Amino acid sequence: MSWDRLRAWAYPRNITWTDSSELRAHHIPADVDIILAAHSHAFIGRRTRARARVATIGYHPSLLPLHRGRDAIRWTIRDGDRVSGGTVYHLTEHTDGGPIAAQEHVLVPPRSTAQSLWREHLAPLGIRLLLRVVDDLAGDRRIEVPQDEELATWEPSMDSPPLFKPELIALPGSVSVDSSKWALHGQEGRNRSRPTA
């Protein structure tokens, strides 16, 4: 769905819509049960998340903790992954790192593009998973499966300079990261930060 179609769907249903690039606490009415973020690249802060009485959830088009970041589908295609999927997770301070509420895999058809994989498989999967999680929450079933940080990958945006985000790379309980020992690897490897030593 395009932005205009989502907006046109929201208004007649009295669903709050903001044109702001960031969702803030003052945008959220007092009686909201669930904040749902799908196909969003905006970080939703703690005070905003706290406005939801039941949960704040998001949909990510990958099998989290794999392919965290804004270009998960493009990295799936670039890396030649044969399996992908979608994840609904509880939003936290850790980007794409909150507990998993629902997850399913899909096989990546040969000759898929990022657009075809999204349109034909991952967007419909996202709708099904979001509906399942909302039904679970409405039935007072709150599923929260922690993500395995040892399996996590962070994929930088393909359209903007890479971010140095050691909190997304370092393992829990590890020593602090010395940024002078990190470099970006380009075409020959995965385009993400890795130790040079």
C-alpha atoms as a PDB file:
ATOM      1  CA  MET A   1       0.000   0.000   0.000  1.00  0.00           C
ATOM      2  CA  SER A   2       1.223   3.475  -0.758  1.00  0.00           C
ATOM      3  CA  TRP A   3       1.370   6.258   1.817  1.00  0.00           C
ATOM      4  CA  ASP A   4      -1.737   7.936   0.324  1.00  0.00           C
ATOM      5  CA  ARG A   5      -3.782   4.718   0.496  1.00  0.00           C
ATOM      6  CA  LEU A   6      -2.842   4.172   4.146  1.00  0.00           C
ATOM      7  CA  ARG A   7      -3.762   7.751   4.971  1.00  0.00           C
ATOM      8  CA  ALA A   8      -7.082   7.463   3.088  1.00  0.00           C
ATOM      9  CA  TRP A   9      -7.823   4.261   5.016  1.00  0.00           C
ATOM     10  CA  ALA A  10      -7.000   5.836   8.410  1.00  0.00           C
ATOM     11  CA  TYR A  11      -9.051   9.045   8.275  1.00  0.00           C
ATOM     12  CA  PRO A  12     -12.597   7.628   7.876  1.00  0.00           C
ATOM     13  CA  ARG A  13     -11.880   5.196  10.711  1.00  0.00           C
ATOM     14  CA  ASN A  14     -10.789   7.996  13.076  1.00  0.00           C
ATOM     15  CA  ILE A  15      -7.319   6.503  13.297  1.00  0.00           C
ATOM     16  CA  THR A  16      -4.773   9.140  14.193  1.00  0.00           C
ATOM     17  CA  TRP A  17      -2.466  10.003  11.304  1.00  0.00           C
ATOM     18  CA  THR A  18       0.556  12.256  11.484  1.00  0.00           C
ATOM     19  CA  ASP A  19       2.518  13.682   8.586  1.00  0.00           C
ATOM     20  CA  SER A  20       5.495  14.157  10.872  1.00  0.00           C
ATOM     21  CA  SER A  21       8.643  12.199  10.051  1.00  0.00           C
ATOM     22  CA  GLU A  22       8.792  11.093  13.693  1.00  0.00           C
ATOM     23  CA  LEU A  23       6.067   9.676  15.888  1.00  0.00           C
ATOM     24  CA  ARG A  24       6.111  11.463  19.250  1.00  0.00           C
ATOM     25  CA  ALA A  25       4.172  10.933  22.473  1.00  0.00           C
ATOM     26  CA  HIS A  26       1.995  14.003  21.822  1.00  0.00           C
ATOM     27  CA  HIS A  27       0.755  12.401  18.573  1.00  0.00           C
ATOM     28  CA  ILE A  28      -0.752   9.456  20.502  1.00  0.00           C
ATOM     29  CA  PRO A  29      -4.221   9.841  22.075  1.00  0.00           C
ATOM     30  CA  ALA A  30      -4.655   8.740  25.692  1.00  0.00           C
ATOM     31  CA  ASP A  31      -6.869   5.735  24.921  1.00  0.00           C
ATOM     32  CA  VAL A  32      -4.606   3.871  22.475  1.00  0.00           C
ATOM     33  CA  ASP A  33      -4.179   0.146  23.129  1.00  0.00           C
ATOM     34  CA  ILE A  34      -1.603  -0.760  20.459  1.00  0.00           C
ATOM     35  CA  ILE A  35       0.924   1.230  18.475  1.00  0.00           C
ATOM     36  CA  LEU A  36       1.745  -0.642  15.293  1.00  0.00           C
ATOM     37  CA  ALA A  37       4.738   0.244  13.111  1.00  0.00           C
ATOM     38  CA  ALA A  38       4.954  -1.424   9.723  1.00  0.00           C
ATOM     39  CA  HIS A  39       7.276  -0.433   6.906  1.00  0.00           C
ATOM     40  CA  SER A  40       8.564   2.379   9.095  1.00  0.00           C
ATOM     41  CA  HIS A  41      12.140   3.536   9.441  1.00  0.00           C
ATOM     42  CA  ALA A  42      11.449   5.898  12.333  1.00  0.00           C
ATOM     43  CA  PHE A  43      12.640   5.056  15.824  1.00  0.00           C
ATOM     44  CA  ILE A  44       9.771   5.164  18.328  1.00  0.00           C
ATOM     45  CA  GLY A  45      11.046   6.405  21.667  1.00  0.00           C
ATOM     46  CA  ARG A  46      10.285   5.192  25.174  1.00  0.00           C
ATOM     47  CA  ARG A  47       7.769   7.936  26.065  1.00  0.00           C
ATOM     48  CA  THR A  48       5.866   7.339  22.826  1.00  0.00           C
ATOM     49  CA  ARG A  49       5.825   3.563  23.331  1.00  0.00           C
ATOM     50  CA  ALA A  50       4.544   4.082  26.884  1.00  0.00           C
ATOM     51  CA  ARG A  51       1.391   5.740  25.508  1.00  0.00           C
ATOM     52  CA  ALA A  52       0.111   2.343  24.326  1.00  0.00           C
ATOM     53  CA  ARG A  53      -1.809   0.539  27.077  1.00  0.00           C
ATOM     54  CA  VAL A  54      -1.220  -2.971  25.708  1.00  0.00           C
ATOM     55  CA  ALA A  55       1.785  -3.082  23.342  1.00  0.00           C
ATOM     56  CA  THR A  56       3.922  -1.334  20.763  1.00  0.00           C
ATOM     57  CA  ILE A  57       4.769  -3.727  17.950  1.00  0.00           C
ATOM     58  CA  GLY A  58       6.483  -3.573  14.586  1.00  0.00           C
ATOM     59  CA  TYR A  59       6.831  -5.703  11.482  1.00  0.00           C
ATOM     60  CA  HIS A  60      10.280  -6.343  10.015  1.00  0.00           C
ATOM     61  CA  PRO A  61      10.690  -8.175   6.670  1.00  0.00           C
ATOM     62  CA  SER A  62      13.350 -10.637   7.788  1.00  0.00           C
ATOM     63  CA  LEU A  63      13.823 -13.522  10.172  1.00  0.00           C
ATOM     64  CA  LEU A  64      15.061 -11.420  13.064  1.00  0.00           C
ATOM     65  CA  PRO A  65      17.673 -11.239  14.428  1.00  0.00           C
ATOM     66  CA  LEU A  66      19.009 -11.613  10.859  1.00  0.00           C
ATOM     67  CA  HIS A  67      19.131  -8.569   8.588  1.00  0.00           C
ATOM     68  CA  ARG A  68      18.344  -5.898  11.144  1.00  0.00           C
ATOM     69  CA  GLY A  69      18.244  -2.486   9.503  1.00  0.00           C
ATOM     70  CA  ARG A  70      16.263  -0.584   6.905  1.00  0.00           C
ATOM     71  CA  ASP A  71      17.236  -2.524   3.766  1.00  0.00           C
ATOM     72  CA  ALA A  72      16.586  -6.095   4.946  1.00  0.00           C
ATOM     73  CA  ILE A  73      14.912  -7.198   1.708  1.00  0.00           C
ATOM     74  CA  ARG A  74      17.604  -5.696  -0.515  1.00  0.00           C
ATOM     75  CA  TRP A  75      20.287  -7.465   1.548  1.00  0.00           C
ATOM     76  CA  THR A  76      18.341 -10.739   1.299  1.00  0.00           C
ATOM     77  CA  ILE A  77      18.432 -10.469  -2.507  1.00  0.00           C
ATOM     78  CA  ARG A  78      22.049  -9.223  -2.635  1.00  0.00           C
ATOM     79  CA  ASP A  79      23.251 -12.064  -0.405  1.00  0.00           C
ATOM     80  CA  GLY A  80      21.369 -14.692  -2.400  1.00  0.00           C
ATOM     81  CA  ASP A  81      19.418 -15.928   0.638  1.00  0.00           C
ATOM     82  CA  ARG A  82      17.104 -18.801  -0.310  1.00  0.00           C
ATOM     83  CA  VAL A  83      14.989 -18.376   2.814  1.00  0.00           C
ATOM     84  CA  SER A  84      13.599 -15.158   4.217  1.00  0.00           C
ATOM     85  CA  GLY A  85      10.566 -14.279   6.268  1.00  0.00           C
ATOM     86  CA  GLY A  86       8.871 -11.762   8.469  1.00  0.00           C
ATOM     87  CA  THR A  87       8.868 -10.957  12.156  1.00  0.00           C
ATOM     88  CA  VAL A  88       6.475  -9.063  14.388  1.00  0.00           C
ATOM     89  CA  TYR A  89       8.333  -7.917  17.473  1.00  0.00           C
ATOM     90  CA  HIS A  90       7.859  -5.677  20.505  1.00  0.00           C
ATOM     91  CA  LEU A  91       9.589  -2.328  20.022  1.00  0.00           C
ATOM     92  CA  THR A  92      12.324  -1.481  22.523  1.00  0.00           C
ATOM     93  CA  GLU A  93      15.335   0.825  22.787  1.00  0.00           C
ATOM     94  CA  HIS A  94      17.313  -1.724  20.727  1.00  0.00           C
ATOM     95  CA  THR A  95      16.709  -1.112  17.007  1.00  0.00           C
ATOM     96  CA  ASP A  96      14.965  -4.182  15.520  1.00  0.00           C
ATOM     97  CA  GLY A  97      16.013  -6.083  18.649  1.00  0.00           C
ATOM     98  CA  GLY A  98      12.888  -6.443  20.774  1.00  0.00           C
ATOM     99  CA  PRO A  99      11.283  -9.746  21.771  1.00  0.00           C
ATOM    100  CA  ILE A 100       9.579 -11.677  18.970  1.00  0.00           C
ATOM    101  CA  ALA A 101       5.780 -11.993  19.013  1.00  0.00           C
ATOM    102  CA  ALA A 102       5.381 -13.955  15.750  1.00  0.00           C
ATOM    103  CA  GLN A 103       7.630 -15.116  12.927  1.00  0.00           C
ATOM    104  CA  GLU A 104       7.312 -17.166   9.731  1.00  0.00           C
ATOM    105  CA  HIS A 105       9.675 -18.048   6.930  1.00  0.00           C
ATOM    106  CA  VAL A 106       9.177 -17.962   3.154  1.00  0.00           C
ATOM    107  CA  LEU A 107      11.264 -19.509   0.409  1.00  0.00           C
ATOM    108  CA  VAL A 108      12.770 -16.907  -1.919  1.00  0.00           C
ATOM    109  CA  PRO A 109      11.708 -17.759  -5.482  1.00  0.00           C
ATOM    110  CA  PRO A 110      14.441 -17.788  -8.149  1.00  0.00           C
ATOM    111  CA  ARG A 111      14.903 -14.467  -9.960  1.00  0.00           C
ATOM    112  CA  SER A 112      13.150 -12.536  -7.185  1.00  0.00           C
ATOM    113  CA  THR A 113      13.776  -8.834  -6.877  1.00  0.00           C
ATOM    114  CA  ALA A 114      13.450  -6.842  -3.673  1.00  0.00           C
ATOM    115  CA  GLN A 115      10.192  -5.405  -5.033  1.00  0.00           C
ATOM    116  CA  SER A 116       8.689  -8.759  -6.049  1.00  0.00           C
ATOM    117  CA  LEU A 117       9.716 -10.459  -2.803  1.00  0.00           C
ATOM    118  CA  TRP A 118       8.075  -7.648  -0.823  1.00  0.00           C
ATOM    119  CA  ARG A 119       4.927  -7.356  -2.917  1.00  0.00           C
ATOM    120  CA  GLU A 120       4.219 -11.053  -3.464  1.00  0.00           C
ATOM    121  CA  HIS A 121       5.448 -12.598  -0.220  1.00  0.00           C
ATOM    122  CA  LEU A 122       6.675 -10.404   2.635  1.00  0.00           C
ATOM    123  CA  ALA A 123       3.953  -7.712   2.666  1.00  0.00           C
ATOM    124  CA  PRO A 124       1.089 -10.268   2.710  1.00  0.00           C
ATOM    125  CA  LEU A 125       2.982 -12.254   5.362  1.00  0.00           C
ATOM    126  CA  GLY A 126       3.330  -9.086   7.442  1.00  0.00           C
ATOM    127  CA  ILE A 127      -0.406  -8.469   7.361  1.00  0.00           C
ATOM    128  CA  ARG A 128      -1.133 -12.049   8.474  1.00  0.00           C
ATOM    129  CA  LEU A 129       1.435 -11.890  11.283  1.00  0.00           C
ATOM    130  CA  LEU A 130       0.237  -8.501  12.526  1.00  0.00           C
ATOM    131  CA  LEU A 131      -3.372  -9.715  12.603  1.00  0.00           C
ATOM    132  CA  ARG A 132      -2.286 -12.823  14.509  1.00  0.00           C
ATOM    133  CA  VAL A 133      -0.388 -10.797  17.111  1.00  0.00           C
ATOM    134  CA  VAL A 134      -3.244  -8.311  17.541  1.00  0.00           C
ATOM    135  CA  ASP A 135      -5.619 -11.273  18.038  1.00  0.00           C
ATOM    136  CA  ASP A 136      -3.191 -12.746  20.584  1.00  0.00           C
ATOM    137  CA  LEU A 137      -3.008  -9.457  22.477  1.00  0.00           C
ATOM    138  CA  ALA A 138      -6.813  -9.058  22.368  1.00  0.00           C
ATOM    139  CA  GLY A 139      -7.069 -12.565  23.874  1.00  0.00           C
ATOM    140  CA  ASP A 140      -4.635 -11.584  26.641  1.00  0.00           C
ATOM    141  CA  ARG A 141      -1.832 -13.730  25.136  1.00  0.00           C
ATOM    142  CA  ARG A 142       1.437 -11.792  25.083  1.00  0.00           C
ATOM    143  CA  ILE A 143       4.231 -13.688  23.330  1.00  0.00           C
ATOM    144  CA  GLU A 144       7.762 -12.366  23.876  1.00  0.00           C
ATOM    145  CA  VAL A 145      10.597 -14.614  22.686  1.00  0.00           C
ATOM    146  CA  PRO A 146      14.024 -12.979  23.154  1.00  0.00           C
ATOM    147  CA  GLN A 147      16.143 -12.634  20.038  1.00  0.00           C
ATOM    148  CA  ASP A 148      19.428 -14.546  19.987  1.00  0.00           C
ATOM    149  CA  GLU A 149      22.063 -11.790  19.895  1.00  0.00           C
ATOM    150  CA  GLU A 150      24.769 -14.248  18.822  1.00  0.00           C
ATOM    151  CA  LEU A 151      22.920 -14.668  15.501  1.00  0.00           C
ATOM    152  CA  ALA A 152      22.170 -10.968  14.962  1.00  0.00           C
ATOM    153  CA  THR A 153      23.357  -9.125  11.860  1.00  0.00           C
ATOM    154  CA  TRP A 154      23.067  -5.403  11.176  1.00  0.00           C
ATOM    155  CA  GLU A 155      22.773  -4.399   7.551  1.00  0.00           C
ATOM    156  CA  PRO A 156      23.511  -0.765   6.725  1.00  0.00           C
ATOM    157  CA  SER A 157      21.288   1.255   4.436  1.00  0.00           C
ATOM    158  CA  MET A 158      22.288   0.818   0.807  1.00  0.00           C
ATOM    159  CA  ASP A 159      21.403   4.446   0.046  1.00  0.00           C
ATOM    160  CA  SER A 160      23.204   6.276   2.843  1.00  0.00           C
ATOM    161  CA  PRO A 161      26.587   6.120   4.562  1.00  0.00           C
ATOM    162  CA  PRO A 162      27.006   3.206   6.997  1.00  0.00           C
ATOM    163  CA  LEU A 163      26.515   3.878  10.682  1.00  0.00           C
ATOM    164  CA  PHE A 164      28.978   2.765  13.311  1.00  0.00           C
ATOM    165  CA  LYS A 165      26.622   1.120  15.831  1.00  0.00           C
ATOM    166  CA  PRO A 166      28.730  -1.019  18.162  1.00  0.00           C
ATOM    167  CA  GLU A 167      25.711  -1.773  20.359  1.00  0.00           C
ATOM    168  CA  LEU A 168      24.243  -3.689  17.414  1.00  0.00           C
ATOM    169  CA  ILE A 169      27.466  -5.566  16.683  1.00  0.00           C
ATOM    170  CA  ALA A 170      29.010  -6.333  20.075  1.00  0.00           C
ATOM    171  CA  LEU A 171      27.825  -9.395  21.964  1.00  0.00           C
ATOM    172  CA  PRO A 172      26.230  -8.957  25.387  1.00  0.00           C
ATOM    173  CA  GLY A 173      28.847  -8.938  28.133  1.00  0.00           C
ATOM    174  CA  SER A 174      31.678  -8.270  25.692  1.00  0.00           C
ATOM    175  CA  VAL A 175      34.375  -5.705  26.246  1.00  0.00           C
ATOM    176  CA  SER A 176      34.017  -2.202  24.869  1.00  0.00           C
ATOM    177  CA  VAL A 177      34.666  -1.728  21.170  1.00  0.00           C
ATOM    178  CA  ASP A 178      37.791   0.109  19.996  1.00  0.00           C
ATOM    179  CA  SER A 179      36.552   1.950  16.891  1.00  0.00           C
ATOM    180  CA  SER A 180      40.120   2.357  15.566  1.00  0.00           C
ATOM    181  CA  LYS A 181      40.160  -1.387  14.859  1.00  0.00           C
ATOM    182  CA  TRP A 182      37.029  -1.345  12.716  1.00  0.00           C
ATOM    183  CA  ALA A 183      36.746  -0.721   8.992  1.00  0.00           C
ATOM    184  CA  LEU A 184      34.166  -1.029   6.277  1.00  0.00           C
ATOM    185  CA  HIS A 185      34.531  -3.785   3.734  1.00  0.00           C
ATOM    186  CA  GLY A 186      33.164  -3.000   0.306  1.00  0.00           C
ATOM    187  CA  GLN A 187      32.341  -5.060  -2.765  1.00  0.00           C
ATOM    188  CA  GLU A 188      34.281  -8.186  -1.860  1.00  0.00           C
ATOM    189  CA  GLY A 189      32.449  -8.761   1.412  1.00  0.00           C
ATOM    190  CA  ARG A 190      29.279  -7.937   3.267  1.00  0.00           C
ATOM    191  CA  ASN A 191      29.052  -4.166   3.465  1.00  0.00           C
ATOM    192  CA  ARG A 192      29.022  -3.855   7.223  1.00  0.00           C
ATOM    193  CA  SER A 193      31.500  -3.066   9.936  1.00  0.00           C
ATOM    194  CA  ARG A 194      33.858  -5.877  10.852  1.00  0.00           C
ATOM    195  CA  PRO A 195      37.070  -6.109  12.853  1.00  0.00           C
ATOM    196  CA  THR A 196      40.199  -5.651  10.751  1.00  0.00           C
ATOM    197  CA  ALA A 197      42.323  -7.640  13.168  1.00  0.00           C
END
